[in-house]
Amino acid sequence: MANGSFTGLVRDVEKAGRYLGQALRLMVGQPDYEVYVAHAKSVHPDRPVMSYEAFFHERQQARYGSRTGRCC
Protein backbone atom coordinates (compact mmCIF):
# COMPACT_ATOMS: atom_id res chain seq x y z
CA MET A 1 0.00 0.00 0.00
CA ALA A 2 1.41 3.38 -0.95
CA ASN A 3 1.94 5.97 1.77
CA GLY A 4 -0.57 8.32 0.13
CA SER A 5 -3.27 5.64 0.27
CA PHE A 6 -2.60 5.07 3.96
CA THR A 7 -2.77 8.79 4.67
CA GLY A 8 -6.08 9.01 2.85
CA LEU A 9 -7.41 6.03 4.79
CA VAL A 10 -6.41 7.59 8.11
CA ARG A 11 -8.06 10.86 7.11
CA ASP A 12 -11.27 9.02 6.13
CA VAL A 13 -11.34 7.09 9.43
CA GLU A 14 -10.82 10.31 11.43
CA LYS A 15 -13.62 12.01 9.48
CA ALA A 16 -15.94 9.04 10.05
CA GLY A 17 -15.11 9.16 13.77
CA ARG A 18 -16.02 12.84 13.97
CA TYR A 19 -19.35 12.20 12.21
CA LEU A 20 -20.09 9.25 14.48
CA GLY A 21 -19.33 11.31 17.58
CA GLN A 22 -21.51 14.14 16.36
CA ALA A 23 -24.36 11.73 15.56
CA LEU A 24 -24.15 10.12 19.00
CA ARG A 25 -24.17 13.49 20.76
CA LEU A 26 -27.20 14.59 18.75
CA MET A 27 -29.01 11.32 19.56
CA VAL A 28 -28.80 12.13 23.25
CA GLY A 29 -29.60 15.79 22.71
CA GLN A 30 -26.11 17.23 23.11
CA PRO A 31 -25.21 19.67 20.32
CA ASP A 32 -21.67 19.76 18.98
CA TYR A 33 -19.38 22.25 20.75
CA GLU A 34 -17.27 22.93 17.65
CA VAL A 35 -20.41 23.84 15.68
CA TYR A 36 -21.43 26.21 18.50
CA VAL A 37 -17.98 27.87 18.53
CA ALA A 38 -18.02 28.40 14.76
CA HIS A 39 -21.54 29.86 14.95
CA ALA A 40 -20.72 32.10 17.91
CA LYS A 41 -17.58 33.49 16.27
CA SER A 42 -19.25 34.16 12.92
CA VAL A 43 -22.66 35.44 14.04
CA HIS A 44 -21.86 36.98 17.45
CA PRO A 45 -18.22 38.15 17.24
CA ASP A 46 -18.84 40.77 19.95
CA ARG A 47 -19.83 38.14 22.56
CA PRO A 48 -17.45 35.84 24.44
CA VAL A 49 -17.54 32.15 23.49
CA MET A 50 -18.58 29.85 26.35
CA SER A 51 -16.12 27.26 27.59
CA TYR A 52 -16.94 23.63 26.86
CA GLU A 53 -18.03 23.15 30.48
CA ALA A 54 -20.34 26.19 30.41
CA PHE A 55 -21.74 25.11 27.04
CA PHE A 56 -22.41 21.57 28.30
CA HIS A 57 -24.11 22.86 31.46
CA GLU A 58 -26.24 25.36 29.52
CA ARG A 59 -27.39 22.68 27.07
CA GLN A 60 -28.19 20.27 29.91
CA GLN A 61 -30.24 22.96 31.66
CA ALA A 62 -32.06 23.82 28.43
CA ARG A 63 -32.92 20.17 27.86
CA TYR A 64 -33.68 18.95 31.39
CA GLY A 65 -33.88 22.02 33.63
CA SER A 66 -37.48 22.98 32.91
CA ARG A 67 -38.96 19.61 33.91
CA THR A 68 -39.44 20.17 37.61
CA GLY A 69 -41.08 17.34 39.50
CA ARG A 70 -41.08 14.98 36.53
CA CYS A 71 -39.08 11.88 35.89
CA CYS A 72 -39.51 11.74 32.11
PDB file of N, CA and C in Angstrom:
ATOM      1  N   MET A   1       0.852  -1.183   0.000  1.00  0.00           N
ATOM      2  CA  MET A   1       0.000   0.000   0.000  1.00  0.00           C
ATOM      3  C   MET A   1       0.893   1.241   0.000  1.00  0.00           C
ATOM      4  N   ALA A   2       0.628   2.144  -0.857  1.00  0.00           N
ATOM      5  CA  ALA A   2       1.412   3.376  -0.949  1.00  0.00           C
ATOM      6  C   ALA A   2       1.120   4.267   0.244  1.00  0.00           C
ATOM      7  N   ASN A   3       2.086   5.082   0.621  1.00  0.00           N
ATOM      8  CA  ASN A   3       1.936   5.967   1.769  1.00  0.00           C
ATOM      9  C   ASN A   3       0.764   6.929   1.600  1.00  0.00           C
ATOM     10  N   GLY A   4       0.548   7.415   0.379  1.00  0.00           N
ATOM     11  CA  GLY A   4      -0.574   8.318   0.128  1.00  0.00           C
ATOM     12  C   GLY A   4      -1.913   7.654   0.369  1.00  0.00           C
ATOM     13  N   SER A   5      -2.022   6.382   0.039  1.00  0.00           N
ATOM     14  CA  SER A   5      -3.266   5.642   0.272  1.00  0.00           C
ATOM     15  C   SER A   5      -3.529   5.494   1.754  1.00  0.00           C
ATOM     16  N   PHE A   6      -2.454   5.211   2.517  1.00  0.00           N
ATOM     17  CA  PHE A   6      -2.595   5.067   3.965  1.00  0.00           C
ATOM     18  C   PHE A   6      -3.012   6.384   4.601  1.00  0.00           C
ATOM     19  N   THR A   7      -2.419   7.470   4.154  1.00  0.00           N
ATOM     20  CA  THR A   7      -2.766   8.795   4.673  1.00  0.00           C
ATOM     21  C   THR A   7      -4.232   9.107   4.383  1.00  0.00           C
ATOM     22  N   GLY A   8      -4.677   8.785   3.198  1.00  0.00           N
ATOM     23  CA  GLY A   8      -6.083   9.007   2.852  1.00  0.00           C
ATOM     24  C   GLY A   8      -7.011   8.157   3.690  1.00  0.00           C
ATOM     25  N   LEU A   9      -6.599   6.919   3.954  1.00  0.00           N
ATOM     26  CA  LEU A   9      -7.406   6.034   4.793  1.00  0.00           C
ATOM     27  C   LEU A   9      -7.521   6.578   6.211  1.00  0.00           C
ATOM     28  N   VAL A  10      -6.406   7.026   6.759  1.00  0.00           N
ATOM     29  CA  VAL A  10      -6.407   7.588   8.113  1.00  0.00           C
ATOM     30  C   VAL A  10      -7.314   8.810   8.162  1.00  0.00           C
ATOM     31  N   ARG A  11      -7.224   9.654   7.172  1.00  0.00           N
ATOM     32  CA  ARG A  11      -8.063  10.863   7.111  1.00  0.00           C
ATOM     33  C   ARG A  11      -9.543  10.479   7.042  1.00  0.00           C
ATOM     34  N   ASP A  12      -9.876   9.474   6.247  1.00  0.00           N
ATOM     35  CA  ASP A  12     -11.268   9.021   6.134  1.00  0.00           C
ATOM     36  C   ASP A  12     -11.782   8.444   7.450  1.00  0.00           C
ATOM     37  N   VAL A  13     -10.940   7.683   8.139  1.00  0.00           N
ATOM     38  CA  VAL A  13     -11.339   7.093   9.427  1.00  0.00           C
ATOM     39  C   VAL A  13     -11.548   8.197  10.465  1.00  0.00           C
ATOM     40  N   GLU A  14     -10.666   9.187  10.493  1.00  0.00           N
ATOM     41  CA  GLU A  14     -10.820  10.309  11.426  1.00  0.00           C
ATOM     42  C   GLU A  14     -12.117  11.072  11.138  1.00  0.00           C
ATOM     43  N   LYS A  15     -12.395  11.297   9.873  1.00  0.00           N
ATOM     44  CA  LYS A  15     -13.621  12.011   9.483  1.00  0.00           C
ATOM     45  C   LYS A  15     -14.854  11.206   9.892  1.00  0.00           C
ATOM     46  N   ALA A  16     -14.822   9.898   9.661  1.00  0.00           N
ATOM     47  CA  ALA A  16     -15.942   9.040  10.053  1.00  0.00           C
ATOM     48  C   ALA A  16     -16.127   9.069  11.566  1.00  0.00           C
ATOM     49  N   GLY A  17     -15.032   9.086  12.303  1.00  0.00           N
ATOM     50  CA  GLY A  17     -15.111   9.160  13.765  1.00  0.00           C
ATOM     51  C   GLY A  17     -15.746  10.449  14.245  1.00  0.00           C
ATOM     52  N   ARG A  18     -15.405  11.557  13.596  1.00  0.00           N
ATOM     53  CA  ARG A  18     -16.024  12.842  13.968  1.00  0.00           C
ATOM     54  C   ARG A  18     -17.525  12.820  13.695  1.00  0.00           C
ATOM     55  N   TYR A  19     -17.921  12.285  12.532  1.00  0.00           N
ATOM     56  CA  TYR A  19     -19.345  12.198  12.206  1.00  0.00           C
ATOM     57  C   TYR A  19     -20.082  11.284  13.172  1.00  0.00           C
ATOM     58  N   LEU A  20     -19.470  10.173  13.534  1.00  0.00           N
ATOM     59  CA  LEU A  20     -20.094   9.249  14.478  1.00  0.00           C
ATOM     60  C   LEU A  20     -20.264   9.911  15.838  1.00  0.00           C
ATOM     61  N   GLY A  21     -19.235  10.601  16.299  1.00  0.00           N
ATOM     62  CA  GLY A  21     -19.327  11.307  17.579  1.00  0.00           C
ATOM     63  C   GLY A  21     -20.414  12.367  17.562  1.00  0.00           C
ATOM     64  N   GLN A  22     -20.482  13.107  16.481  1.00  0.00           N
ATOM     65  CA  GLN A  22     -21.512  14.139  16.361  1.00  0.00           C
ATOM     66  C   GLN A  22     -22.898  13.501  16.351  1.00  0.00           C
ATOM     67  N   ALA A  23     -23.068  12.412  15.621  1.00  0.00           N
ATOM     68  CA  ALA A  23     -24.365  11.734  15.562  1.00  0.00           C
ATOM     69  C   ALA A  23     -24.775  11.211  16.936  1.00  0.00           C
ATOM     70  N   LEU A  24     -23.831  10.641  17.668  1.00  0.00           N
ATOM     71  CA  LEU A  24     -24.153  10.120  18.998  1.00  0.00           C
ATOM     72  C   LEU A  24     -24.534  11.242  19.952  1.00  0.00           C
ATOM     73  N   ARG A  25     -23.814  12.362  19.894  1.00  0.00           N
ATOM     74  CA  ARG A  25     -24.172  13.488  20.762  1.00  0.00           C
ATOM     75  C   ARG A  25     -25.560  14.015  20.420  1.00  0.00           C
ATOM     76  N   LEU A  26     -25.880  14.108  19.134  1.00  0.00           N
ATOM     77  CA  LEU A  26     -27.202  14.592  18.746  1.00  0.00           C
ATOM     78  C   LEU A  26     -28.310  13.624  19.151  1.00  0.00           C
ATOM     79  N   MET A  27     -28.011  12.314  19.144  1.00  0.00           N
ATOM     80  CA  MET A  27     -29.014  11.325  19.558  1.00  0.00           C
ATOM     81  C   MET A  27     -29.419  11.499  21.013  1.00  0.00           C
ATOM     82  N   VAL A  28     -28.492  11.930  21.835  1.00  0.00           N
ATOM     83  CA  VAL A  28     -28.803  12.128  23.248  1.00  0.00           C
ATOM     84  C   VAL A  28     -29.101  13.590  23.557  1.00  0.00           C
ATOM     85  N   GLY A  29     -29.203  14.402  22.523  1.00  0.00           N
ATOM     86  CA  GLY A  29     -29.602  15.793  22.706  1.00  0.00           C
ATOM     87  C   GLY A  29     -28.477  16.734  23.058  1.00  0.00           C
ATOM     88  N   GLN A  30     -27.246  16.363  22.804  1.00  0.00           N
ATOM     89  CA  GLN A  30     -26.109  17.228  23.111  1.00  0.00           C
ATOM     90  C   GLN A  30     -25.527  17.793  21.827  1.00  0.00           C
ATOM     91  N   PRO A  31     -25.762  19.075  21.539  1.00  0.00           N
ATOM     92  CA  PRO A  31     -25.215  19.667  20.323  1.00  0.00           C
ATOM     93  C   PRO A  31     -23.683  19.661  20.319  1.00  0.00           C
ATOM     94  N   ASP A  32     -23.111  19.815  19.177  1.00  0.00           N
ATOM     95  CA  ASP A  32     -21.669  19.764  18.980  1.00  0.00           C
ATOM     96  C   ASP A  32     -21.031  21.095  19.375  1.00  0.00           C
ATOM     97  N   TYR A  33     -20.042  21.045  20.263  1.00  0.00           N
ATOM     98  CA  TYR A  33     -19.384  22.252  20.750  1.00  0.00           C
ATOM     99  C   TYR A  33     -18.674  22.998  19.626  1.00  0.00           C
ATOM    100  N   GLU A  34     -18.002  22.277  18.733  1.00  0.00           N
ATOM    101  CA  GLU A  34     -17.270  22.929  17.647  1.00  0.00           C
ATOM    102  C   GLU A  34     -18.218  23.696  16.726  1.00  0.00           C
ATOM    103  N   VAL A  35     -19.408  23.152  16.503  1.00  0.00           N
ATOM    104  CA  VAL A  35     -20.408  23.845  15.677  1.00  0.00           C
ATOM    105  C   VAL A  35     -20.852  25.120  16.387  1.00  0.00           C
ATOM    106  N   TYR A  36     -21.052  25.032  17.715  1.00  0.00           N
ATOM    107  CA  TYR A  36     -21.433  26.213  18.496  1.00  0.00           C
ATOM    108  C   TYR A  36     -20.355  27.290  18.399  1.00  0.00           C
ATOM    109  N   VAL A  37     -19.082  26.893  18.571  1.00  0.00           N
ATOM    110  CA  VAL A  37     -17.983  27.866  18.530  1.00  0.00           C
ATOM    111  C   VAL A  37     -17.932  28.563  17.173  1.00  0.00           C
ATOM    112  N   ALA A  38     -18.041  27.806  16.104  1.00  0.00           N
ATOM    113  CA  ALA A  38     -18.015  28.402  14.761  1.00  0.00           C
ATOM    114  C   ALA A  38     -19.178  29.374  14.588  1.00  0.00           C
ATOM    115  N   HIS A  39     -20.367  28.982  15.046  1.00  0.00           N
ATOM    116  CA  HIS A  39     -21.543  29.857  14.945  1.00  0.00           C
ATOM    117  C   HIS A  39     -21.329  31.123  15.775  1.00  0.00           C
ATOM    118  N   ALA A  40     -20.889  30.953  17.014  1.00  0.00           N
ATOM    119  CA  ALA A  40     -20.719  32.104  17.906  1.00  0.00           C
ATOM    120  C   ALA A  40     -19.711  33.099  17.345  1.00  0.00           C
ATOM    121  N   LYS A  41     -18.611  32.597  16.815  1.00  0.00           N
ATOM    122  CA  LYS A  41     -17.584  33.494  16.272  1.00  0.00           C
ATOM    123  C   LYS A  41     -18.036  34.202  15.008  1.00  0.00           C
ATOM    124  N   SER A  42     -18.840  33.532  14.183  1.00  0.00           N
ATOM    125  CA  SER A  42     -19.246  34.158  12.921  1.00  0.00           C
ATOM    126  C   SER A  42     -20.467  35.057  13.070  1.00  0.00           C
ATOM    127  N   VAL A  43     -21.406  34.686  13.926  1.00  0.00           N
ATOM    128  CA  VAL A  43     -22.658  35.442  14.041  1.00  0.00           C
ATOM    129  C   VAL A  43     -22.633  36.440  15.198  1.00  0.00           C
ATOM    130  N   HIS A  44     -21.907  36.113  16.264  1.00  0.00           N
ATOM    131  CA  HIS A  44     -21.863  36.977  17.449  1.00  0.00           C
ATOM    132  C   HIS A  44     -20.413  37.280  17.833  1.00  0.00           C
ATOM    133  N   PRO A  45     -19.646  37.930  16.952  1.00  0.00           N
ATOM    134  CA  PRO A  45     -18.224  38.153  17.245  1.00  0.00           C
ATOM    135  C   PRO A  45     -17.983  39.071  18.443  1.00  0.00           C
ATOM    136  N   ASP A  46     -18.983  39.845  18.832  1.00  0.00           N
ATOM    137  CA  ASP A  46     -18.836  40.766  19.951  1.00  0.00           C
ATOM    138  C   ASP A  46     -19.065  40.084  21.306  1.00  0.00           C
ATOM    139  N   ARG A  47     -19.555  38.855  21.316  1.00  0.00           N
ATOM    140  CA  ARG A  47     -19.834  38.139  22.564  1.00  0.00           C
ATOM    141  C   ARG A  47     -18.738  37.109  22.845  1.00  0.00           C
ATOM    142  N   PRO A  48     -18.445  36.883  24.124  1.00  0.00           N
ATOM    143  CA  PRO A  48     -17.450  35.843  24.435  1.00  0.00           C
ATOM    144  C   PRO A  48     -18.016  34.451  24.154  1.00  0.00           C
ATOM    145  N   VAL A  49     -17.148  33.529  23.758  1.00  0.00           N
ATOM    146  CA  VAL A  49     -17.535  32.148  23.491  1.00  0.00           C
ATOM    147  C   VAL A  49     -17.489  31.383  24.817  1.00  0.00           C
ATOM    148  N   MET A  50     -18.550  30.634  25.114  1.00  0.00           N
ATOM    149  CA  MET A  50     -18.585  29.846  26.346  1.00  0.00           C
ATOM    150  C   MET A  50     -17.513  28.761  26.308  1.00  0.00           C
ATOM    151  N   SER A  51     -17.022  28.413  27.488  1.00  0.00           N
ATOM    152  CA  SER A  51     -16.120  27.265  27.593  1.00  0.00           C
ATOM    153  C   SER A  51     -16.933  26.000  27.328  1.00  0.00           C
ATOM    154  N   TYR A  52     -16.231  24.893  27.091  1.00  0.00           N
ATOM    155  CA  TYR A  52     -16.945  23.633  26.857  1.00  0.00           C
ATOM    156  C   TYR A  52     -17.812  23.280  28.065  1.00  0.00           C
ATOM    157  N   GLU A  53     -17.279  23.483  29.266  1.00  0.00           N
ATOM    158  CA  GLU A  53     -18.026  23.151  30.478  1.00  0.00           C
ATOM    159  C   GLU A  53     -19.288  23.999  30.606  1.00  0.00           C
ATOM    160  N   ALA A  54     -19.175  25.298  30.347  1.00  0.00           N
ATOM    161  CA  ALA A  54     -20.338  26.188  30.411  1.00  0.00           C
ATOM    162  C   ALA A  54     -21.359  25.823  29.328  1.00  0.00           C
ATOM    163  N   PHE A  55     -20.868  25.509  28.135  1.00  0.00           N
ATOM    164  CA  PHE A  55     -21.739  25.108  27.041  1.00  0.00           C
ATOM    165  C   PHE A  55     -22.507  23.833  27.404  1.00  0.00           C
ATOM    166  N   PHE A  56     -21.791  22.834  27.918  1.00  0.00           N
ATOM    167  CA  PHE A  56     -22.407  21.565  28.302  1.00  0.00           C
ATOM    168  C   PHE A  56     -23.475  21.796  29.371  1.00  0.00           C
ATOM    169  N   HIS A  57     -23.144  22.579  30.390  1.00  0.00           N
ATOM    170  CA  HIS A  57     -24.106  22.859  31.464  1.00  0.00           C
ATOM    171  C   HIS A  57     -25.333  23.606  30.929  1.00  0.00           C
ATOM    172  N   GLU A  58     -25.119  24.588  30.082  1.00  0.00           N
ATOM    173  CA  GLU A  58     -26.242  25.363  29.520  1.00  0.00           C
ATOM    174  C   GLU A  58     -27.163  24.469  28.695  1.00  0.00           C
ATOM    175  N   ARG A  59     -26.582  23.585  27.889  1.00  0.00           N
ATOM    176  CA  ARG A  59     -27.391  22.677  27.069  1.00  0.00           C
ATOM    177  C   ARG A  59     -28.145  21.669  27.928  1.00  0.00           C
ATOM    178  N   GLN A  60     -27.513  21.187  29.004  1.00  0.00           N
ATOM    179  CA  GLN A  60     -28.192  20.267  29.914  1.00  0.00           C
ATOM    180  C   GLN A  60     -29.367  20.970  30.598  1.00  0.00           C
ATOM    181  N   GLN A  61     -29.160  22.195  31.024  1.00  0.00           N
ATOM    182  CA  GLN A  61     -30.243  22.963  31.656  1.00  0.00           C
ATOM    183  C   GLN A  61     -31.375  23.228  30.671  1.00  0.00           C
ATOM    184  N   ALA A  62     -31.029  23.547  29.440  1.00  0.00           N
ATOM    185  CA  ALA A  62     -32.057  23.816  28.434  1.00  0.00           C
ATOM    186  C   ALA A  62     -32.875  22.560  28.149  1.00  0.00           C
ATOM    187  N   ARG A  63     -32.220  21.412  28.169  1.00  0.00           N
ATOM    188  CA  ARG A  63     -32.923  20.166  27.862  1.00  0.00           C
ATOM    189  C   ARG A  63     -33.688  19.619  29.052  1.00  0.00           C
ATOM    190  N   TYR A  64     -33.078  19.625  30.235  1.00  0.00           N
ATOM    191  CA  TYR A  64     -33.677  18.950  31.390  1.00  0.00           C
ATOM    192  C   TYR A  64     -34.109  19.878  32.514  1.00  0.00           C
ATOM    193  N   GLY A  65     -33.634  21.120  32.521  1.00  0.00           N
ATOM    194  CA  GLY A  65     -33.883  22.021  33.633  1.00  0.00           C
ATOM    195  C   GLY A  65     -35.320  22.457  33.827  1.00  0.00           C
ATOM    196  N   SER A  66     -36.120  22.466  32.798  1.00  0.00           N
ATOM    197  CA  SER A  66     -37.484  22.984  32.908  1.00  0.00           C
ATOM    198  C   SER A  66     -38.491  21.934  33.350  1.00  0.00           C
ATOM    199  N   ARG A  67     -38.049  20.702  33.556  1.00  0.00           N
ATOM    200  CA  ARG A  67     -38.959  19.615  33.910  1.00  0.00           C
ATOM    201  C   ARG A  67     -38.951  19.382  35.421  1.00  0.00           C
ATOM    202  N   THR A  68     -39.444  20.317  36.163  1.00  0.00           N
ATOM    203  CA  THR A  68     -39.445  20.167  37.610  1.00  0.00           C
ATOM    204  C   THR A  68     -40.514  19.177  38.048  1.00  0.00           C
ATOM    205  N   GLY A  69     -40.126  18.292  38.936  1.00  0.00           N
ATOM    206  CA  GLY A  69     -41.081  17.340  39.498  1.00  0.00           C
ATOM    207  C   GLY A  69     -41.454  16.203  38.575  1.00  0.00           C
ATOM    208  N   ARG A  70     -40.766  16.058  37.462  1.00  0.00           N
ATOM    209  CA  ARG A  70     -41.084  14.982  36.527  1.00  0.00           C
ATOM    210  C   ARG A  70     -39.879  14.086  36.319  1.00  0.00           C
ATOM    211  N   CYS A  71     -40.153  12.841  36.130  1.00  0.00           N
ATOM    212  CA  CYS A  71     -39.083  11.882  35.893  1.00  0.00           C
ATOM    213  C   CYS A  71     -38.752  11.829  34.403  1.00  0.00           C
ATOM    214  N   CYS A  72     -39.741  11.883  33.552  1.00  0.00           N
ATOM    215  CA  CYS A  72     -39.508  11.736  32.109  1.00  0.00           C
ATOM    216  C   CYS A  72     -40.206  12.818  31.318  1.00  0.00           C
TER     217      CYS A  72
END
